[in-house]
């Protein structure tokens, strides 16, 4: 299976998981076979399909992850050392290998890419007419921004028009896009052209549009060549109008968040929420809370809960608490606890701990544990300010019943408290396990980031710091902007720079609100602003 991710990581997520499950069943079925399943994919797709999601995040690829577990065979990007010697020997009897060997350097040879026709594909790309070059650049950029491998024709045409620009576009023939496709789809020496027409998978959300994919190696080269380029802001309008699958919208939003464009990220997550995606609701609520629109975060969290997200109640409790609606948050925790769901209580516990409000949490826990006689748990079992006999006597007086009758009521409540305490203890154990698992995943992510980006990030930040030390603050600012466009420099670096050298009082507003498309600090924004701008774009 060449480019195996096309079968396992499909735009319609359920299709990829069905394929993965079917392949697992085929390999397990002893009545058939034996079978050999051999596929290829680039490391980034392997990582996406095999990495575990974080706590509270949807597991998008469980079947694919189990299918691929412990089955990787790394393939070098180039041949060198002993593998180069073996290639040299084989080239004596294979003219194609001989040509690939001559095409490489004396120490390294990229035979795999050469045999796939990449030199001809690259030549086609380099010599493309303006419109065709813009279409291919747009396709590569859309992939950089998180668009799935299969790109719908209207999205590609719109993004290409943005890349071409108004002046050049006005001088092109009406069929410029179709002519560009003819050039890009033409085969290259027995392999595909720079662009490939893709068949629709069952369940595709866009059955009426053609789908196109960038040739694999060309995409890798194009990503590297264009990773510091940021498109015109008009791409937002095109993408919001044309991307209708929520996975694509969320991916676009994630890319923009990494580049510091938090308002624009919120636009894409809101669009996904409006199309029914609960995970996007969580991401949007986080952005809104960070932008200090806590009422907006509560509104989106309610949508998440009503959408049936099993994590919806705990995050609604959190945002209610953050918005000063502690009483409603408390009621939600109690209601969910009675239904056997302790997660909202655990989430609120984090909020109380963050605010260093142990008495507040203890009061909430007391209300959950002892509904009939508030104060029983705290006074008798925690502070021990009264004995159970004293509490029973006071209760008898208050209710006008005998002490023995009151003691029976108290004992019944104590039994309920014990059962509820068991539920809380189990929730704490599960919570602790999740925290441990999250810590392991975080360490794995850090190690992966260091391996993939660590050297580049350190080198880039060293260049920024060198400019600052020399007093070249404008160059440092330009480098920070480039790093943000590439997603390897965060808002905290920009905020710190402007606070130290740009006269900014505090870096916090930049870190909370992000930057505009040009990289300048955003003004305050909220959910109503995001809705208004999206409405203007979609109704245009």
Protein backbone atom coordinates (compact mmCIF):
# COMPACT_ATOMS: atom_id res chain seq x y z
CA UNK A 1 0.00 0.00 0.00
CA UNK A 2 1.85 3.06 -1.25
CA UNK A 3 1.21 6.18 0.88
CA UNK A 4 -0.70 4.10 3.40
CA UNK A 5 -1.98 7.18 5.25
CA UNK A 6 -4.43 7.75 2.40
CA UNK A 7 -6.28 4.62 3.52
CA UNK A 8 -5.90 4.95 7.30
CA UNK A 9 -6.15 8.73 7.84
CA UNK A 10 -9.09 9.65 5.63
CA UNK A 11 -11.04 12.95 5.59
CA UNK A 12 -14.05 10.97 6.79
CA UNK A 13 -12.35 9.64 9.94
CA UNK A 14 -14.66 6.64 10.36
CA UNK A 15 -13.61 5.29 6.95
CA UNK A 16 -9.94 5.12 7.92
CA UNK A 17 -10.79 3.36 11.17
CA UNK A 18 -12.99 0.84 9.33
CA UNK A 19 -10.12 0.12 6.94
CA UNK A 20 -7.72 -0.32 9.87
CA UNK A 21 -10.13 -2.63 11.71
CA UNK A 22 -10.69 -4.68 8.57
CA UNK A 23 -6.96 -5.10 7.99
CA UNK A 24 -6.42 -6.13 11.62
CA UNK A 25 -9.16 -8.74 11.30
CA UNK A 26 -7.66 -10.04 8.04
CA UNK A 27 -4.24 -10.46 9.66
CA UNK A 28 -5.75 -12.18 12.71
CA UNK A 29 -7.93 -14.62 10.76
CA UNK A 30 -6.08 -17.97 10.87
CA UNK A 31 -8.51 -19.46 8.34
CA UNK A 32 -7.00 -17.29 5.61
CA UNK A 33 -3.50 -16.40 4.66
CA UNK A 34 -0.78 -16.13 5.58
CA UNK A 35 -0.95 -12.45 4.57
CA UNK A 36 1.80 -9.86 4.26
CA UNK A 37 0.72 -6.23 4.59
CA UNK A 38 3.43 -3.87 3.39
CA UNK A 39 2.87 -0.12 3.26
CA UNK A 40 4.82 3.12 3.10
CA UNK A 41 4.26 6.49 4.73
CA UNK A 42 6.31 9.49 5.82
CA UNK A 43 7.26 9.76 9.54
CA UNK A 44 4.83 12.64 10.23
CA UNK A 45 1.88 10.47 9.21
CA UNK A 46 3.22 7.54 11.22
CA UNK A 47 3.47 9.78 14.29
CA UNK A 48 -0.05 11.12 13.79
CA UNK A 49 -1.54 7.64 13.53
CA UNK A 50 0.43 6.00 16.35
CA UNK A 51 0.67 8.71 19.05
CA UNK A 52 -1.70 8.45 22.00
CA UNK A 53 -4.02 11.44 22.53
CA UNK A 54 -3.70 13.57 25.65
CA UNK A 55 -6.06 13.32 28.60
CA UNK A 56 -9.53 14.53 27.73
CA UNK A 57 -8.83 14.43 23.99
CA UNK A 58 -10.66 12.26 21.50
CA UNK A 59 -8.78 9.18 20.36
CA UNK A 60 -8.97 9.61 16.61
CA UNK A 61 -7.00 6.56 15.46
CA UNK A 62 -7.23 3.63 17.95
CA UNK A 63 -7.61 0.96 15.25
CA UNK A 64 -4.80 2.37 13.11
CA UNK A 65 -2.51 2.63 16.13
CA UNK A 66 -3.08 -1.03 17.02
CA UNK A 67 -2.60 -2.08 13.40
CA UNK A 68 0.76 -0.29 13.15
CA UNK A 69 2.07 -1.09 16.64
CA UNK A 70 5.63 -2.49 16.67
CA UNK A 71 5.68 -2.94 12.89
CA UNK A 72 7.79 -0.02 11.65
CA UNK A 73 10.78 -0.52 9.35
CA UNK A 74 12.61 2.82 9.07
CA UNK A 75 13.77 3.70 5.55
CA UNK A 76 16.73 6.12 5.26
CA UNK A 77 16.22 9.37 3.37
CA UNK A 78 19.42 8.60 1.52
CA UNK A 79 21.87 5.76 0.99
CA UNK A 80 25.32 6.04 2.54
CA UNK A 81 27.98 3.82 4.09
CA UNK A 82 27.27 0.11 3.63
CA UNK A 83 23.90 0.75 2.01
CA UNK A 84 25.62 2.99 -0.55
CA UNK A 85 28.10 0.22 -1.33
CA UNK A 86 25.22 -2.21 -1.88
CA UNK A 87 23.50 0.31 -4.15
CA UNK A 88 26.70 0.75 -6.17
CA UNK A 89 26.95 -2.99 -6.69
CA UNK A 90 23.31 -3.28 -7.74
CA UNK A 91 23.69 -0.31 -10.12
CA UNK A 92 26.11 -2.33 -12.26
CA UNK A 93 23.21 -4.42 -13.53
CA UNK A 94 20.32 -1.92 -13.25
CA UNK A 95 20.52 1.21 -15.45
CA UNK A 96 17.84 3.00 -13.37
CA UNK A 97 19.87 2.53 -10.19
CA UNK A 98 22.98 3.59 -12.05
CA UNK A 99 21.31 6.84 -13.08
CA UNK A 100 20.10 7.51 -9.53
CA UNK A 101 23.62 6.85 -8.29
CA UNK A 102 25.07 9.39 -10.75
CA UNK A 103 22.40 11.91 -9.68
CA UNK A 104 23.53 11.81 -6.01
CA UNK A 105 26.56 13.20 -4.25
CA UNK A 106 29.70 11.15 -3.70
CA UNK A 107 28.65 10.28 -0.13
CA UNK A 108 24.84 10.17 -0.20
CA UNK A 109 22.34 9.05 -2.84
CA UNK A 110 18.55 9.60 -2.75
CA UNK A 111 17.79 6.63 -5.02
CA UNK A 112 14.25 6.05 -3.74
CA UNK A 113 13.13 9.55 -4.66
CA UNK A 114 14.90 9.44 -8.02
CA UNK A 115 13.27 6.16 -8.98
CA UNK A 116 9.89 7.66 -8.14
CA UNK A 117 10.40 10.20 -10.93
CA UNK A 118 11.01 13.12 -8.60
CA UNK A 119 13.61 14.89 -10.77
CA UNK A 120 11.03 15.24 -13.54
CA UNK A 121 8.33 16.29 -11.06
CA UNK A 122 10.66 18.90 -9.60
CA UNK A 123 11.52 20.20 -13.06
CA UNK A 124 7.81 20.44 -13.87
CA UNK A 125 7.34 22.47 -10.65
CA UNK A 126 10.32 24.79 -11.28
CA UNK A 127 9.28 25.56 -14.85
CA UNK A 128 5.53 25.84 -14.25
CA UNK A 129 3.58 28.78 -15.70
CA UNK A 130 2.45 31.34 -13.12
CA UNK A 131 -1.04 29.90 -12.66
CA UNK A 132 0.14 26.29 -12.38
CA UNK A 133 2.88 27.30 -9.94
CA UNK A 134 0.32 29.15 -7.83
CA UNK A 135 -1.99 26.11 -7.77
CA UNK A 136 0.83 23.85 -6.58
CA UNK A 137 2.08 26.40 -4.02
CA UNK A 138 -1.47 26.77 -2.73
CA UNK A 139 -1.85 23.00 -2.42
CA UNK A 140 1.42 22.74 -0.47
CA UNK A 141 0.42 25.61 1.81
CA UNK A 142 -2.99 24.08 2.49
CA UNK A 143 -1.22 20.89 3.55
CA UNK A 144 1.07 22.94 5.79
CA UNK A 145 -2.00 24.46 7.41
CA UNK A 146 -3.45 21.05 8.23
CA UNK A 147 -5.69 20.31 5.25
CA UNK A 148 -6.03 16.57 4.62
CA UNK A 149 -4.20 14.92 1.69
CA UNK A 150 -7.24 15.16 -0.58
CA UNK A 151 -7.88 18.83 -1.44
CA UNK A 152 -11.31 19.79 -2.86
CA UNK A 153 -11.22 21.64 -6.15
CA UNK A 154 -13.06 24.78 -4.99
CA UNK A 155 -10.77 25.16 -1.97
CA UNK A 156 -7.70 24.67 -4.16
CA UNK A 157 -8.92 27.13 -6.78
CA UNK A 158 -9.72 29.75 -4.15
CA UNK A 159 -6.37 29.36 -2.40
CA UNK A 160 -4.56 29.52 -5.75
CA UNK A 161 -6.39 32.73 -6.65
CA UNK A 162 -5.18 34.24 -3.36
CA UNK A 163 -1.62 33.11 -4.15
CA UNK A 164 -1.74 34.60 -7.66
CA UNK A 165 -2.98 38.00 -6.50
CA UNK A 166 -5.61 40.27 -7.99
CA UNK A 167 -3.44 42.01 -10.61
CA UNK A 168 -2.11 38.82 -12.21
CA UNK A 169 -5.44 37.05 -11.86
CA UNK A 170 -7.21 39.76 -13.85
CA UNK A 171 -4.89 39.10 -16.78
CA UNK A 172 -5.50 35.33 -16.94
CA UNK A 173 -8.00 33.52 -19.12
CA UNK A 174 -11.25 32.36 -17.54
CA UNK A 175 -10.09 28.74 -17.67
CA UNK A 176 -6.77 29.42 -15.93
CA UNK A 177 -7.46 26.86 -13.19
CA UNK A 178 -8.41 24.08 -15.61
CA UNK A 179 -5.32 24.82 -17.75
CA UNK A 180 -3.13 24.69 -14.65
CA UNK A 181 -4.59 21.30 -13.75
CA UNK A 182 -3.83 19.91 -17.21
CA UNK A 183 -0.17 20.91 -16.77
CA UNK A 184 0.13 19.58 -13.23
CA UNK A 185 -1.71 16.29 -13.74
CA UNK A 186 0.34 15.16 -16.74
CA UNK A 187 2.48 12.08 -15.82
CA UNK A 188 6.22 12.46 -15.27
CA UNK A 189 8.34 9.68 -16.75
CA UNK A 190 6.03 6.90 -15.76
CA UNK A 191 4.93 8.33 -12.41
CA UNK A 192 2.31 10.88 -11.48
CA UNK A 193 2.54 14.55 -12.21
CA UNK A 194 3.12 17.12 -9.45
CA UNK A 195 -0.61 16.91 -8.72
CA UNK A 196 -2.69 13.73 -8.52
CA UNK A 197 -6.43 13.31 -8.99
CA UNK A 198 -7.87 11.40 -6.01
CA UNK A 199 -10.89 9.12 -6.03
CA UNK A 200 -13.61 9.80 -3.50
CA UNK A 201 -13.69 7.55 -0.46
CA UNK A 202 -17.08 6.22 0.64
CA UNK A 203 -18.64 8.74 3.00
CA UNK A 204 -16.78 11.68 1.50
CA UNK A 205 -18.38 14.98 2.58
CA UNK A 206 -17.79 16.50 -0.87
CA UNK A 207 -19.03 13.97 -3.46
CA UNK A 208 -19.71 16.71 -6.01
CA UNK A 209 -16.15 18.09 -6.14
CA UNK A 210 -12.96 16.71 -7.63
CA UNK A 211 -10.16 16.00 -5.15
CA UNK A 212 -6.45 16.55 -5.72
CA UNK A 213 -3.29 15.56 -3.89
CA UNK A 214 0.30 16.83 -4.10
CA UNK A 215 2.87 14.23 -5.13
CA UNK A 216 4.41 12.92 -1.92
CA UNK A 217 8.06 13.87 -2.32
CA UNK A 218 7.20 17.20 -3.91
CA UNK A 219 5.06 18.03 -0.88
CA UNK A 220 7.97 17.30 1.47
CA UNK A 221 10.32 19.51 -0.53
CA UNK A 222 7.69 22.23 -0.90
CA UNK A 223 6.93 22.28 2.82
CA UNK A 224 10.60 22.82 3.63
CA UNK A 225 10.98 25.54 0.99
CA UNK A 226 7.84 27.43 2.05
CA UNK A 227 7.86 26.94 5.83
CA UNK A 228 8.76 30.60 6.48
CA UNK A 229 6.19 32.00 4.04
CA UNK A 230 2.83 33.20 5.31
CA UNK A 231 -0.01 33.73 2.83
CA UNK A 232 -2.34 36.67 2.41
CA UNK A 233 -5.08 37.01 5.02
CA UNK A 234 -7.58 36.36 2.22
CA UNK A 235 -6.85 32.65 2.68
CA UNK A 236 -8.98 32.79 5.84
CA UNK A 237 -12.06 33.83 3.88
CA UNK A 238 -11.52 31.10 1.28
CA UNK A 239 -10.87 28.38 3.85
CA UNK A 240 -13.82 29.29 6.06
CA UNK A 241 -16.17 29.23 3.09
CA UNK A 242 -14.85 26.09 1.40
CA UNK A 243 -13.72 23.75 4.19
CA UNK A 244 -16.78 21.90 5.41
CA UNK A 245 -15.25 18.92 7.23
CA UNK A 246 -14.60 19.65 10.88
CA UNK A 247 -11.24 17.86 10.96
CA UNK A 248 -9.89 20.25 8.33
CA UNK A 249 -11.29 23.27 10.15
CA UNK A 250 -9.74 22.19 13.46
CA UNK A 251 -6.39 21.50 11.81
CA UNK A 252 -6.41 24.97 10.22
CA UNK A 253 -7.27 26.45 13.61
CA UNK A 254 -4.44 24.55 15.32
CA UNK A 255 -1.92 25.83 12.77
CA UNK A 256 -3.05 29.40 13.29
CA UNK A 257 -2.90 29.01 17.08
CA UNK A 258 0.70 27.77 16.82
CA UNK A 259 1.55 30.85 14.76
CA UNK A 260 0.02 33.16 17.38
CA UNK A 261 -3.10 34.11 15.33
CA UNK A 262 -5.46 33.26 18.18
CA UNK A 263 -8.44 35.25 16.89
CA UNK A 264 -8.24 33.55 13.50
CA UNK A 265 -7.81 30.17 15.21
CA UNK A 266 -11.03 30.89 17.10
CA UNK A 267 -12.77 31.58 13.77
CA UNK A 268 -12.05 28.07 12.50
CA UNK A 269 -12.91 26.35 15.75
CA UNK A 270 -16.21 28.27 15.92
CA UNK A 271 -17.05 27.16 12.39
CA UNK A 272 -16.35 23.55 13.40
CA UNK A 273 -18.55 23.98 16.49
CA UNK A 274 -21.38 25.24 14.32
CA UNK A 275 -21.00 22.05 12.27
CA UNK A 276 -21.40 19.95 15.42
CA UNK A 277 -17.83 19.17 16.54
CA UNK A 278 -17.51 18.84 20.33
CA UNK A 279 -13.70 18.72 20.36
CA UNK A 280 -13.58 22.08 18.59
CA UNK A 281 -15.88 23.46 21.30
CA UNK A 282 -13.27 22.55 23.89
CA UNK A 283 -10.49 24.27 21.96
CA UNK A 284 -12.62 27.37 21.35
CA UNK A 285 -13.60 27.63 25.01
CA UNK A 286 -9.92 27.47 25.97
CA UNK A 287 -9.08 30.30 23.55
CA UNK A 288 -11.96 32.41 24.87
CA UNK A 289 -11.00 31.89 28.50
CA UNK A 290 -7.40 32.77 27.66
CA UNK A 291 -8.68 35.95 25.96
CA UNK A 292 -10.59 36.65 29.22
CA UNK A 293 -14.02 36.19 27.61
CA UNK A 294 -15.15 33.80 30.32
CA UNK A 295 -18.85 34.23 29.62
CA UNK A 296 -18.15 33.26 26.02
CA UNK A 297 -16.26 30.20 27.24
CA UNK A 298 -19.26 29.21 29.37
CA UNK A 299 -21.58 29.56 26.37
CA UNK A 300 -19.40 27.31 24.22
CA UNK A 301 -18.98 24.82 27.08
CA UNK A 302 -22.79 24.55 27.32
CA UNK A 303 -22.89 23.76 23.59
CA UNK A 304 -20.26 21.09 24.15
CA UNK A 305 -22.32 19.49 26.92
CA UNK A 306 -25.55 19.62 24.91
CA UNK A 307 -23.68 18.06 21.99
CA UNK A 308 -23.23 14.89 24.03
CA UNK A 309 -19.51 15.18 24.77
CA UNK A 310 -18.80 12.91 27.77
CA UNK A 311 -16.27 15.49 29.00
CA UNK A 312 -18.70 18.37 28.57
CA UNK A 313 -19.93 18.55 32.17
CA UNK A 314 -16.49 18.78 33.76
CA UNK A 315 -15.36 21.60 31.49
CA UNK A 316 -18.63 23.46 31.92
CA UNK A 317 -18.10 23.25 35.69
CA UNK A 318 -14.59 24.64 35.26
CA UNK A 319 -15.67 27.60 33.10
CA UNK A 320 -18.64 28.37 35.35
CA UNK A 321 -16.26 28.56 38.30
CA UNK A 322 -13.81 30.74 36.34
CA UNK A 323 -16.67 33.08 35.36
CA UNK A 324 -17.67 33.62 38.99
CA UNK A 325 -20.71 31.34 38.76
CA UNK A 326 -19.58 29.12 41.64
CA UNK A 327 -23.09 28.28 42.82
CA UNK A 328 -24.12 26.94 39.41
CA UNK A 329 -20.81 25.08 39.12
CA UNK A 330 -21.49 23.54 42.52
CA UNK A 331 -25.00 22.47 41.53
CA UNK A 332 -23.67 20.89 38.35
CA UNK A 333 -21.04 18.94 40.31
CA UNK A 334 -23.69 17.61 42.71
CA UNK A 335 -26.10 16.66 39.91
CA UNK A 336 -23.40 14.82 37.98
CA UNK A 337 -22.07 13.15 41.13
CA UNK A 338 -25.53 11.74 41.83
CA UNK A 339 -25.48 10.29 38.31
CA UNK A 340 -22.18 8.55 39.05
CA UNK A 341 -20.01 11.10 37.23
CA UNK A 342 -17.29 12.46 39.54
CA UNK A 343 -15.22 14.18 36.84
CA UNK A 344 -16.79 17.65 37.29
CA UNK A 345 -15.94 17.48 41.01
CA UNK A 346 -12.33 16.57 40.19
CA UNK A 347 -12.14 19.45 37.71
CA UNK A 348 -13.53 21.93 40.24
CA UNK A 349 -11.08 20.57 42.78
CA UNK A 350 -8.27 21.68 40.45
CA UNK A 351 -9.80 25.17 40.30
CA UNK A 352 -10.04 25.47 44.07
CA UNK A 353 -6.44 24.26 44.42
CA UNK A 354 -5.31 26.77 41.80
CA UNK A 355 -6.97 29.55 43.82
CA UNK A 356 -5.52 28.11 47.06
CA UNK A 357 -9.06 27.87 48.46
CA UNK A 358 -9.06 24.67 50.50
CA UNK A 359 -12.02 25.80 52.67
CA UNK A 360 -14.12 26.42 49.55
CA UNK A 361 -13.49 22.96 48.20
CA UNK A 362 -14.10 21.36 51.58
CA UNK A 363 -17.47 23.12 51.73
CA UNK A 364 -18.37 21.75 48.29
CA UNK A 365 -17.22 18.27 49.24
CA UNK A 366 -19.26 18.50 52.46
CA UNK A 367 -22.39 19.41 50.50
CA UNK A 368 -21.85 16.46 48.17
CA UNK A 369 -21.22 14.00 51.00
CA UNK A 370 -23.97 15.08 53.37
CA UNK A 371 -27.07 16.43 51.57
CA UNK A 372 -29.62 15.78 54.31
CA UNK A 373 -27.69 17.28 57.20
CA UNK A 374 -25.21 19.89 55.99
CA UNK A 375 -22.31 20.14 58.36
CA UNK A 376 -22.36 16.51 59.50
CA UNK A 377 -19.27 15.50 57.52
CA UNK A 378 -17.23 18.63 58.29
CA UNK A 379 -18.16 19.02 61.96
CA UNK A 380 -18.09 15.36 63.01
CA UNK A 381 -15.48 13.77 60.73
CA UNK A 382 -13.20 16.60 59.56
CA UNK A 383 -12.93 19.37 62.16
CA UNK A 384 -14.32 17.08 64.87
CA UNK A 385 -15.81 20.10 66.57
CA UNK A 386 -18.74 17.96 67.72
CA UNK A 387 -19.18 14.28 68.48
CA UNK A 388 -21.77 12.22 66.66
CA UNK A 389 -23.78 12.12 69.92
CA UNK A 390 -23.73 15.93 70.19
CA UNK A 391 -24.75 16.30 66.55
CA UNK A 392 -27.63 13.82 67.05
CA UNK A 393 -28.84 15.67 70.17
CA UNK A 394 -28.79 19.04 68.36
CA UNK A 395 -30.62 17.48 65.40
CA UNK A 396 -33.28 16.02 67.72
CA UNK A 397 -33.90 19.46 69.21
CA UNK A 398 -34.06 21.09 65.78
CA UNK A 399 -36.51 18.49 64.37
CA UNK A 400 -38.50 18.01 67.59
CA UNK A 401 -37.89 14.26 67.76
CA UNK A 402 -36.33 11.86 70.22
CA UNK A 403 -32.54 11.63 70.38
CA UNK A 404 -32.67 7.94 69.48
CA UNK A 405 -34.73 8.74 66.40
CA UNK A 406 -32.26 11.44 65.42
CA UNK A 407 -29.36 9.01 65.87
CA UNK A 408 -31.02 6.55 63.48
CA UNK A 409 -31.28 9.34 60.87
CA UNK A 410 -27.65 10.31 61.43
CA UNK A 411 -26.46 6.71 61.11
CA UNK A 412 -28.35 6.35 57.83
CA UNK A 413 -26.68 9.52 56.57
CA UNK A 414 -23.28 8.26 57.71
CA UNK A 415 -23.76 5.11 55.61
CA UNK A 416 -24.49 7.32 52.59
CA UNK A 417 -21.44 9.45 53.36
CA UNK A 418 -19.28 6.31 53.41
CA UNK A 419 -20.59 5.24 50.00
CA UNK A 420 -20.03 8.73 48.55
CA UNK A 421 -16.54 8.84 50.02
CA UNK A 422 -15.75 5.60 48.22
CA UNK A 423 -16.89 7.22 44.96
CA UNK A 424 -14.67 10.25 45.59
CA UNK A 425 -11.68 8.08 46.52
CA UNK A 426 -12.08 6.10 43.31
CA UNK A 427 -12.34 9.35 41.33
CA UNK A 428 -9.14 10.62 42.98
CA UNK A 429 -7.36 7.37 42.09
CA UNK A 430 -8.48 7.59 38.46
CA UNK A 431 -7.51 11.26 38.37
CA UNK A 432 -4.05 10.46 39.74
CA UNK A 433 -3.58 7.73 37.12
CA UNK A 434 -4.61 10.15 34.36
CA UNK A 435 -2.14 12.74 35.63
CA UNK A 436 0.65 10.14 35.63
CA UNK A 437 -0.28 9.05 32.11
CA UNK A 438 -0.38 12.68 30.98
CA UNK A 439 3.07 13.24 32.48
CA UNK A 440 4.45 10.28 30.54
CA UNK A 441 2.86 11.53 27.30
CA UNK A 442 4.21 15.03 27.94
CA UNK A 443 7.73 13.65 28.37
CA UNK A 444 7.33 11.65 25.17
CA UNK A 445 6.13 14.76 23.35
CA UNK A 446 9.06 16.81 24.66
CA UNK A 447 11.52 14.15 23.52
CA UNK A 448 9.82 13.96 20.13
CA UNK A 449 9.86 17.75 19.82
CA UNK A 450 13.55 17.87 20.72
CA UNK A 451 14.30 15.25 18.10
CA UNK A 452 12.26 16.94 15.37
CA UNK A 453 12.58 20.64 16.18
CA UNK A 454 14.90 21.08 19.16
CA UNK A 455 18.08 21.98 17.27
CA UNK A 456 16.26 24.30 14.87
CA UNK A 457 14.37 26.08 17.66
CA UNK A 458 17.54 26.59 19.71
CA UNK A 459 19.41 27.88 16.68
CA UNK A 460 16.60 30.25 15.74
CA UNK A 461 16.26 31.64 19.25
CA UNK A 462 20.03 32.08 19.45
CA UNK A 463 19.84 34.29 16.36
CA UNK A 464 17.11 36.38 17.99
CA UNK A 465 19.12 36.76 21.21
CA UNK A 466 22.26 37.70 19.25
CA UNK A 467 20.38 40.52 17.52
CA UNK A 468 19.02 41.73 20.86
CA UNK A 469 22.47 41.73 22.43
CA UNK A 470 23.85 43.76 19.51
CA UNK A 471 21.00 46.25 19.84
CA UNK A 472 19.49 45.37 16.47
CA UNK A 473 15.96 45.20 17.86
CA UNK A 474 14.26 45.58 14.47
CA UNK A 475 16.03 42.51 13.09
CA UNK A 476 15.20 40.60 16.26
CA UNK A 477 11.55 41.58 15.81
CA UNK A 478 11.57 40.41 12.19
CA UNK A 479 13.11 37.09 13.18
CA UNK A 480 10.48 36.62 15.88
CA UNK A 481 7.79 37.24 13.27
CA UNK A 482 9.34 34.68 10.94
CA UNK A 483 9.59 32.16 13.75
CA UNK A 484 5.95 32.68 14.66
CA UNK A 485 4.92 32.22 11.02
CA UNK A 486 6.75 28.89 11.08
CA UNK A 487 5.24 27.90 14.42
CA UNK A 488 8.60 27.49 16.19
CA UNK A 489 8.51 30.73 18.23
CA UNK A 490 5.72 31.40 20.69
CA UNK A 491 3.83 34.52 21.70
CA UNK A 492 5.79 34.65 24.96
CA UNK A 493 8.98 35.41 22.98
CA UNK A 494 7.29 38.33 21.18
CA UNK A 495 5.76 39.59 24.41
CA UNK A 496 9.08 39.46 26.24
CA UNK A 497 10.83 41.27 23.38
CA UNK A 498 8.29 44.10 23.24
CA UNK A 499 8.26 44.39 27.03
CA UNK A 500 12.05 44.73 27.17
CA UNK A 501 12.75 46.68 24.00
CA UNK A 502 9.44 47.95 22.61
CA UNK A 503 7.99 49.99 25.46
CA UNK A 504 5.23 47.51 26.25
CA UNK A 505 4.09 47.60 29.88
CA UNK A 506 3.31 43.89 30.08
CA UNK A 507 3.63 40.86 27.80
CA UNK A 508 0.44 39.28 29.18
CA UNK A 509 -2.03 40.90 26.72
CA UNK A 510 -0.05 39.58 23.74
CA UNK A 511 0.10 36.07 25.17
CA UNK A 512 -3.65 36.12 25.87
CA UNK A 513 -4.95 37.84 22.74
CA UNK A 514 -2.35 36.86 20.15
CA UNK A 515 -1.38 38.84 17.08
CA UNK A 516 -3.18 39.90 13.92
CA UNK A 517 -2.35 38.48 10.49
CA UNK A 518 0.58 40.89 10.10
CA UNK A 519 2.05 39.86 13.45
CA UNK A 520 1.07 42.97 15.41
CA UNK A 521 -0.55 42.71 18.88
CA UNK A 522 -4.31 42.14 18.79
CA UNK A 523 -6.82 44.39 20.47
CA UNK A 524 -9.23 42.79 22.94
CA UNK A 525 -11.68 40.36 21.31
CA UNK A 526 -14.47 38.03 22.37
CA UNK A 527 -16.92 35.41 21.08
CA UNK A 528 -19.28 38.05 19.70
CA UNK A 529 -16.44 39.50 17.59
CA UNK A 530 -15.54 36.07 16.20
CA UNK A 531 -19.19 35.37 15.34
CA UNK A 532 -19.61 38.73 13.66
CA UNK A 533 -16.53 38.38 11.44
CA UNK A 534 -17.40 34.80 10.50
CA UNK A 535 -20.93 35.83 9.59
CA UNK A 536 -19.59 38.59 7.33
CA UNK A 537 -17.26 36.14 5.56
CA UNK A 538 -19.82 33.37 5.10
CA UNK A 539 -22.54 35.73 3.92
CA UNK A 540 -20.31 37.64 1.48
